Structure formats: C-alpha cells, structure tokens
ModelCIF file with pLDDT and N, C-alpha, C, O atoms, coordinates in Angstrom:
data_MODEL
#
_entry.id   MODEL 
#
_entity.id                         1 
_entity.type                       polymer 
_entity.pdbx_number_of_molecules   1 
#
_entity_poly.entity_id                      1 
_entity_poly.type                           'polypeptide(L)' 
_entity_poly.nstd_linkage                   no 
_entity_poly.nstd_monomer                   no 
_entity_poly.pdbx_seq_one_letter_code       GSEWIPQFITALSPQARVGCGRCYKVCPKQ 
_entity_poly.pdbx_seq_one_letter_code_can   GSEWIPQFITALSPQARVGCGRCYKVCPKQ 
_entity_poly.pdbx_strand_id                 A 
#
loop_
_entity_poly_seq.entity_id 
_entity_poly_seq.num 
_entity_poly_seq.mon_id 
_entity_poly_seq.hetero 
1 1  GLY n 
1 2  SER n 
1 3  GLU n 
1 4  TRP n 
1 5  ILE n 
1 6  PRO n 
1 7  GLN n 
1 8  PHE n 
1 9  ILE n 
1 10 THR n 
1 11 ALA n 
1 12 LEU n 
1 13 SER n 
1 14 PRO n 
1 15 GLN n 
1 16 ALA n 
1 17 ARG n 
1 18 VAL n 
1 19 GLY n 
1 20 CYS n 
1 21 GLY n 
1 22 ARG n 
1 23 CYS n 
1 24 TYR n 
1 25 LYS n 
1 26 VAL n 
1 27 CYS n 
1 28 PRO n 
1 29 LYS n 
1 30 GLN n 
#
_struct_asym.id          A 
_struct_asym.entity_id   1 
#
loop_
_ma_qa_metric.id 
_ma_qa_metric.mode 
_ma_qa_metric.name 
_ma_qa_metric.software_group_id 
_ma_qa_metric.type 
1 global pLDDT . pLDDT 
2 local  pLDDT . pLDDT 
#
_ma_qa_metric_global.metric_id      1 
_ma_qa_metric_global.metric_value   78.83 
_ma_qa_metric_global.model_id       1 
_ma_qa_metric_global.ordinal_id     1 
#
loop_
_ma_qa_metric_local.label_asym_id 
_ma_qa_metric_local.label_comp_id 
_ma_qa_metric_local.label_seq_id 
_ma_qa_metric_local.metric_id 
_ma_qa_metric_local.metric_value 
_ma_qa_metric_local.model_id 
_ma_qa_metric_local.ordinal_id 
A GLY 1  2 93.00 1 1  
A SER 2  2 94.00 1 2  
A GLU 3  2 93.00 1 3  
A TRP 4  2 89.00 1 4  
A ILE 5  2 87.00 1 5  
A PRO 6  2 83.00 1 6  
A GLN 7  2 80.00 1 7  
A PHE 8  2 75.00 1 8  
A ILE 9  2 72.00 1 9  
A THR 10 2 74.00 1 10 
A ALA 11 2 76.00 1 11 
A LEU 12 2 75.00 1 12 
A SER 13 2 79.00 1 13 
A PRO 14 2 78.00 1 14 
A GLN 15 2 83.00 1 15 
A ALA 16 2 80.00 1 16 
A ARG 17 2 78.00 1 17 
A VAL 18 2 82.00 1 18 
A GLY 19 2 77.00 1 19 
A CYS 20 2 82.00 1 20 
A GLY 21 2 77.00 1 21 
A ARG 22 2 78.00 1 22 
A CYS 23 2 75.00 1 23 
A TYR 24 2 73.00 1 24 
A LYS 25 2 75.00 1 25 
A VAL 26 2 74.00 1 26 
A CYS 27 2 74.00 1 27 
A PRO 28 2 71.00 1 28 
A LYS 29 2 71.00 1 29 
A GLN 30 2 67.00 1 30 
#
loop_
_atom_site.group_PDB 
_atom_site.id 
_atom_site.type_symbol 
_atom_site.label_atom_id 
_atom_site.label_alt_id 
_atom_site.label_comp_id 
_atom_site.label_asym_id 
_atom_site.label_entity_id 
_atom_site.label_seq_id 
_atom_site.pdbx_PDB_ins_code 
_atom_site.Cartn_x 
_atom_site.Cartn_y 
_atom_site.Cartn_z 
_atom_site.occupancy 
_atom_site.B_iso_or_equiv 
_atom_site.pdbx_formal_charge 
_atom_site.auth_seq_id 
_atom_site.auth_comp_id 
_atom_site.auth_asym_id 
_atom_site.auth_atom_id 
_atom_site.pdbx_PDB_model_num 
ATOM 1   N N  . GLY A 1 1  ? 0.745  -1.314 -0.283  1.00 93.00 ? 1  GLY A N  1 
ATOM 2   C CA . GLY A 1 1  ? 0.118  0.093  0.040   1.00 93.00 ? 1  GLY A CA 1 
ATOM 3   C C  . GLY A 1 1  ? 0.491  1.254  0.465   1.00 93.00 ? 1  GLY A C  1 
ATOM 4   O O  . GLY A 1 1  ? -0.245 2.103  0.967   1.00 93.00 ? 1  GLY A O  1 
ATOM 5   N N  . SER A 1 2  ? 1.870  1.345  0.241   1.00 94.00 ? 2  SER A N  1 
ATOM 6   C CA . SER A 1 2  ? 3.035  2.073  0.028   1.00 94.00 ? 2  SER A CA 1 
ATOM 7   C C  . SER A 1 2  ? 3.120  2.823  -1.714  1.00 94.00 ? 2  SER A C  1 
ATOM 8   O O  . SER A 1 2  ? 3.197  2.190  -2.767  1.00 94.00 ? 2  SER A O  1 
ATOM 9   N N  . GLU A 1 3  ? 3.068  4.556  -1.510  1.00 93.00 ? 3  GLU A N  1 
ATOM 10  C CA . GLU A 1 3  ? 3.248  5.186  -2.741  1.00 93.00 ? 3  GLU A CA 1 
ATOM 11  C C  . GLU A 1 3  ? 4.698  4.666  -3.793  1.00 93.00 ? 3  GLU A C  1 
ATOM 12  O O  . GLU A 1 3  ? 5.816  4.386  -3.361  1.00 93.00 ? 3  GLU A O  1 
ATOM 13  N N  . TRP A 1 4  ? 4.455  4.658  -4.583  1.00 89.00 ? 4  TRP A N  1 
ATOM 14  C CA . TRP A 1 4  ? 5.082  4.233  -5.745  1.00 89.00 ? 4  TRP A CA 1 
ATOM 15  C C  . TRP A 1 4  ? 5.303  4.889  -6.620  1.00 89.00 ? 4  TRP A C  1 
ATOM 16  O O  . TRP A 1 4  ? 4.702  4.517  -7.627  1.00 89.00 ? 4  TRP A O  1 
ATOM 17  N N  . ILE A 1 5  ? 6.387  6.414  -6.857  1.00 87.00 ? 5  ILE A N  1 
ATOM 18  C CA . ILE A 1 5  ? 6.669  6.302  -8.232  1.00 87.00 ? 5  ILE A CA 1 
ATOM 19  C C  . ILE A 1 5  ? 7.887  6.053  -9.057  1.00 87.00 ? 5  ILE A C  1 
ATOM 20  O O  . ILE A 1 5  ? 9.014  6.419  -8.725  1.00 87.00 ? 5  ILE A O  1 
ATOM 21  N N  . PRO A 1 6  ? 7.597  5.420  -10.134 1.00 83.00 ? 6  PRO A N  1 
ATOM 22  C CA . PRO A 1 6  ? 8.540  4.740  -10.892 1.00 83.00 ? 6  PRO A CA 1 
ATOM 23  C C  . PRO A 1 6  ? 9.414  6.055  -11.852 1.00 83.00 ? 6  PRO A C  1 
ATOM 24  O O  . PRO A 1 6  ? 8.768  6.995  -12.314 1.00 83.00 ? 6  PRO A O  1 
ATOM 25  N N  . GLN A 1 7  ? 11.073 5.930  -12.070 1.00 80.00 ? 7  GLN A N  1 
ATOM 26  C CA . GLN A 1 7  ? 12.366 6.744  -12.871 1.00 80.00 ? 7  GLN A CA 1 
ATOM 27  C C  . GLN A 1 7  ? 12.374 5.741  -14.377 1.00 80.00 ? 7  GLN A C  1 
ATOM 28  O O  . GLN A 1 7  ? 12.892 4.718  -14.824 1.00 80.00 ? 7  GLN A O  1 
ATOM 29  N N  . PHE A 1 8  ? 11.741 6.463  -14.633 1.00 75.00 ? 8  PHE A N  1 
ATOM 30  C CA . PHE A 1 8  ? 11.796 6.434  -16.262 1.00 75.00 ? 8  PHE A CA 1 
ATOM 31  C C  . PHE A 1 8  ? 13.545 7.114  -17.005 1.00 75.00 ? 8  PHE A C  1 
ATOM 32  O O  . PHE A 1 8  ? 14.156 8.134  -16.687 1.00 75.00 ? 8  PHE A O  1 
ATOM 33  N N  . ILE A 1 9  ? 13.878 6.110  -17.981 1.00 72.00 ? 9  ILE A N  1 
ATOM 34  C CA . ILE A 1 9  ? 15.095 6.732  -18.266 1.00 72.00 ? 9  ILE A CA 1 
ATOM 35  C C  . ILE A 1 9  ? 15.351 7.423  -19.302 1.00 72.00 ? 9  ILE A C  1 
ATOM 36  O O  . ILE A 1 9  ? 15.467 6.688  -20.282 1.00 72.00 ? 9  ILE A O  1 
ATOM 37  N N  . THR A 1 10 ? 15.527 8.764  -19.589 1.00 74.00 ? 10 THR A N  1 
ATOM 38  C CA . THR A 1 10 ? 15.388 9.001  -21.095 1.00 74.00 ? 10 THR A CA 1 
ATOM 39  C C  . THR A 1 10 ? 16.053 9.252  -21.681 1.00 74.00 ? 10 THR A C  1 
ATOM 40  O O  . THR A 1 10 ? 15.937 10.080 -22.584 1.00 74.00 ? 10 THR A O  1 
ATOM 41  N N  . ALA A 1 11 ? 17.355 8.410  -21.290 1.00 76.00 ? 11 ALA A N  1 
ATOM 42  C CA . ALA A 1 11 ? 18.563 8.364  -22.631 1.00 76.00 ? 11 ALA A CA 1 
ATOM 43  C C  . ALA A 1 11 ? 19.399 7.724  -22.330 1.00 76.00 ? 11 ALA A C  1 
ATOM 44  O O  . ALA A 1 11 ? 19.643 7.776  -21.125 1.00 76.00 ? 11 ALA A O  1 
ATOM 45  N N  . LEU A 1 12 ? 20.261 6.823  -23.142 1.00 75.00 ? 12 LEU A N  1 
ATOM 46  C CA . LEU A 1 12 ? 21.163 5.903  -23.570 1.00 75.00 ? 12 LEU A CA 1 
ATOM 47  C C  . LEU A 1 12 ? 21.725 6.357  -23.345 1.00 75.00 ? 12 LEU A C  1 
ATOM 48  O O  . LEU A 1 12 ? 21.416 7.539  -23.502 1.00 75.00 ? 12 LEU A O  1 
ATOM 49  N N  . SER A 1 13 ? 23.851 6.041  -22.446 1.00 79.00 ? 13 SER A N  1 
ATOM 50  C CA . SER A 1 13 ? 24.416 6.936  -22.439 1.00 79.00 ? 13 SER A CA 1 
ATOM 51  C C  . SER A 1 13 ? 24.716 4.838  -23.479 1.00 79.00 ? 13 SER A C  1 
ATOM 52  O O  . SER A 1 13 ? 24.628 3.725  -22.961 1.00 79.00 ? 13 SER A O  1 
ATOM 53  N N  . PRO A 1 14 ? 25.030 5.202  -24.890 1.00 78.00 ? 14 PRO A N  1 
ATOM 54  C CA . PRO A 1 14 ? 26.496 4.368  -25.647 1.00 78.00 ? 14 PRO A CA 1 
ATOM 55  C C  . PRO A 1 14 ? 27.121 3.680  -24.997 1.00 78.00 ? 14 PRO A C  1 
ATOM 56  O O  . PRO A 1 14 ? 26.983 2.458  -25.046 1.00 78.00 ? 14 PRO A O  1 
ATOM 57  N N  . GLN A 1 15 ? 27.968 4.271  -24.221 1.00 83.00 ? 15 GLN A N  1 
ATOM 58  C CA . GLN A 1 15 ? 29.453 4.166  -23.202 1.00 83.00 ? 15 GLN A CA 1 
ATOM 59  C C  . GLN A 1 15 ? 28.941 2.727  -21.835 1.00 83.00 ? 15 GLN A C  1 
ATOM 60  O O  . GLN A 1 15 ? 29.528 1.653  -21.703 1.00 83.00 ? 15 GLN A O  1 
ATOM 61  N N  . ALA A 1 16 ? 28.111 3.057  -21.280 1.00 80.00 ? 16 ALA A N  1 
ATOM 62  C CA . ALA A 1 16 ? 26.976 2.376  -20.365 1.00 80.00 ? 16 ALA A CA 1 
ATOM 63  C C  . ALA A 1 16 ? 26.674 1.116  -20.491 1.00 80.00 ? 16 ALA A C  1 
ATOM 64  O O  . ALA A 1 16 ? 26.548 0.493  -19.436 1.00 80.00 ? 16 ALA A O  1 
ATOM 65  N N  . ARG A 1 17 ? 26.422 0.196  -22.107 1.00 78.00 ? 17 ARG A N  1 
ATOM 66  C CA . ARG A 1 17 ? 26.090 -0.869 -23.507 1.00 78.00 ? 17 ARG A CA 1 
ATOM 67  C C  . ARG A 1 17 ? 27.302 -1.241 -22.218 1.00 78.00 ? 17 ARG A C  1 
ATOM 68  O O  . ARG A 1 17 ? 28.327 -0.712 -21.788 1.00 78.00 ? 17 ARG A O  1 
ATOM 69  N N  . VAL A 1 18 ? 26.252 -2.821 -21.843 1.00 82.00 ? 18 VAL A N  1 
ATOM 70  C CA . VAL A 1 18 ? 26.452 -3.959 -21.947 1.00 82.00 ? 18 VAL A CA 1 
ATOM 71  C C  . VAL A 1 18 ? 26.181 -4.895 -23.158 1.00 82.00 ? 18 VAL A C  1 
ATOM 72  O O  . VAL A 1 18 ? 27.000 -5.677 -23.641 1.00 82.00 ? 18 VAL A O  1 
ATOM 73  N N  . GLY A 1 19 ? 24.992 -4.707 -23.543 1.00 77.00 ? 19 GLY A N  1 
ATOM 74  C CA . GLY A 1 19 ? 24.678 -5.408 -24.711 1.00 77.00 ? 19 GLY A CA 1 
ATOM 75  C C  . GLY A 1 19 ? 23.331 -7.043 -24.474 1.00 77.00 ? 19 GLY A C  1 
ATOM 76  O O  . GLY A 1 19 ? 23.104 -8.134 -24.997 1.00 77.00 ? 19 GLY A O  1 
ATOM 77  N N  . CYS A 1 20 ? 22.630 -5.854 -22.944 1.00 82.00 ? 20 CYS A N  1 
ATOM 78  C CA . CYS A 1 20 ? 21.501 -6.650 -23.034 1.00 82.00 ? 20 CYS A CA 1 
ATOM 79  C C  . CYS A 1 20 ? 20.359 -7.033 -23.266 1.00 82.00 ? 20 CYS A C  1 
ATOM 80  O O  . CYS A 1 20 ? 19.945 -8.155 -22.976 1.00 82.00 ? 20 CYS A O  1 
ATOM 81  N N  . GLY A 1 21 ? 19.529 -5.908 -23.967 1.00 77.00 ? 21 GLY A N  1 
ATOM 82  C CA . GLY A 1 21 ? 19.066 -5.400 -24.847 1.00 77.00 ? 21 GLY A CA 1 
ATOM 83  C C  . GLY A 1 21 ? 17.527 -5.490 -24.172 1.00 77.00 ? 21 GLY A C  1 
ATOM 84  O O  . GLY A 1 21 ? 16.530 -5.802 -24.822 1.00 77.00 ? 21 GLY A O  1 
ATOM 85  N N  . ARG A 1 22 ? 17.531 -5.084 -22.432 1.00 78.00 ? 22 ARG A N  1 
ATOM 86  C CA . ARG A 1 22 ? 16.464 -5.058 -21.857 1.00 78.00 ? 22 ARG A CA 1 
ATOM 87  C C  . ARG A 1 22 ? 15.642 -2.586 -22.527 1.00 78.00 ? 22 ARG A C  1 
ATOM 88  O O  . ARG A 1 22 ? 14.791 -1.724 -22.310 1.00 78.00 ? 22 ARG A O  1 
ATOM 89  N N  . CYS A 1 23 ? 16.914 -2.949 -23.347 1.00 75.00 ? 23 CYS A N  1 
ATOM 90  C CA . CYS A 1 23 ? 16.206 -1.284 -23.499 1.00 75.00 ? 23 CYS A CA 1 
ATOM 91  C C  . CYS A 1 23 ? 15.293 -1.150 -24.497 1.00 75.00 ? 23 CYS A C  1 
ATOM 92  O O  . CYS A 1 23 ? 14.411 -0.294 -24.447 1.00 75.00 ? 23 CYS A O  1 
ATOM 93  N N  . TYR A 1 24 ? 15.507 -2.439 -26.020 1.00 73.00 ? 24 TYR A N  1 
ATOM 94  C CA . TYR A 1 24 ? 15.017 -2.684 -26.563 1.00 73.00 ? 24 TYR A CA 1 
ATOM 95  C C  . TYR A 1 24 ? 13.826 -3.839 -26.198 1.00 73.00 ? 24 TYR A C  1 
ATOM 96  O O  . TYR A 1 24 ? 12.787 -3.725 -26.850 1.00 73.00 ? 24 TYR A O  1 
ATOM 97  N N  . LYS A 1 25 ? 13.899 -5.021 -25.138 1.00 75.00 ? 25 LYS A N  1 
ATOM 98  C CA . LYS A 1 25 ? 12.853 -5.280 -24.932 1.00 75.00 ? 25 LYS A CA 1 
ATOM 99  C C  . LYS A 1 25 ? 11.688 -3.956 -24.790 1.00 75.00 ? 25 LYS A C  1 
ATOM 100 O O  . LYS A 1 25 ? 10.947 -3.601 -25.707 1.00 75.00 ? 25 LYS A O  1 
ATOM 101 N N  . VAL A 1 26 ? 11.731 -3.436 -23.622 1.00 74.00 ? 26 VAL A N  1 
ATOM 102 C CA . VAL A 1 26 ? 10.954 -1.872 -22.794 1.00 74.00 ? 26 VAL A CA 1 
ATOM 103 C C  . VAL A 1 26 ? 10.438 -1.503 -23.909 1.00 74.00 ? 26 VAL A C  1 
ATOM 104 O O  . VAL A 1 26 ? 9.365  -2.035 -24.194 1.00 74.00 ? 26 VAL A O  1 
ATOM 105 N N  . CYS A 1 27 ? 10.908 -0.689 -24.695 1.00 74.00 ? 27 CYS A N  1 
ATOM 106 C CA . CYS A 1 27 ? 11.126 0.245  -25.944 1.00 74.00 ? 27 CYS A CA 1 
ATOM 107 C C  . CYS A 1 27 ? 9.077  0.380  -26.307 1.00 74.00 ? 27 CYS A C  1 
ATOM 108 O O  . CYS A 1 27 ? 8.361  -0.620 -26.240 1.00 74.00 ? 27 CYS A O  1 
ATOM 109 N N  . PRO A 1 28 ? 8.696  1.355  -26.550 1.00 71.00 ? 28 PRO A N  1 
ATOM 110 C CA . PRO A 1 28 ? 7.442  1.164  -26.388 1.00 71.00 ? 28 PRO A CA 1 
ATOM 111 C C  . PRO A 1 28 ? 7.346  2.349  -27.878 1.00 71.00 ? 28 PRO A C  1 
ATOM 112 O O  . PRO A 1 28 ? 6.483  1.935  -28.652 1.00 71.00 ? 28 PRO A O  1 
ATOM 113 N N  . LYS A 1 29 ? 7.881  3.378  -28.280 1.00 71.00 ? 29 LYS A N  1 
ATOM 114 C CA . LYS A 1 29 ? 8.086  3.610  -29.823 1.00 71.00 ? 29 LYS A CA 1 
ATOM 115 C C  . LYS A 1 29 ? 9.560  2.493  -30.376 1.00 71.00 ? 29 LYS A C  1 
ATOM 116 O O  . LYS A 1 29 ? 10.502 2.940  -31.031 1.00 71.00 ? 29 LYS A O  1 
ATOM 117 N N  . GLN A 1 30 ? 9.471  1.371  -30.032 1.00 67.00 ? 30 GLN A N  1 
ATOM 118 C CA . GLN A 1 30 ? 10.652 0.778  -30.804 1.00 67.00 ? 30 GLN A CA 1 
ATOM 119 C C  . GLN A 1 30 ? 11.353 1.347  -31.352 1.00 67.00 ? 30 GLN A C  1 
ATOM 120 O O  . GLN A 1 30 ? 12.275 0.787  -31.945 1.00 67.00 ? 30 GLN A O  1 
#
C-alpha cells in the first residue's frame, strides 16, 4: 500500500551499454 513513483530513463549512454537487450525489449516506440 506504499506509494511508488517509477523512475524512467530518458537517455541511453552508448558507453554504458552492456548488450543485455532490456532497452530494446521495453521501448514502447521501438
């Protein structure tokens, strides 16, 4: 019942990528 505010990513850094594919799987705009 606690309040929860999600934190959305607004930008991706190419240097921080690890190749897991999560951003690809969840992107609503593909």
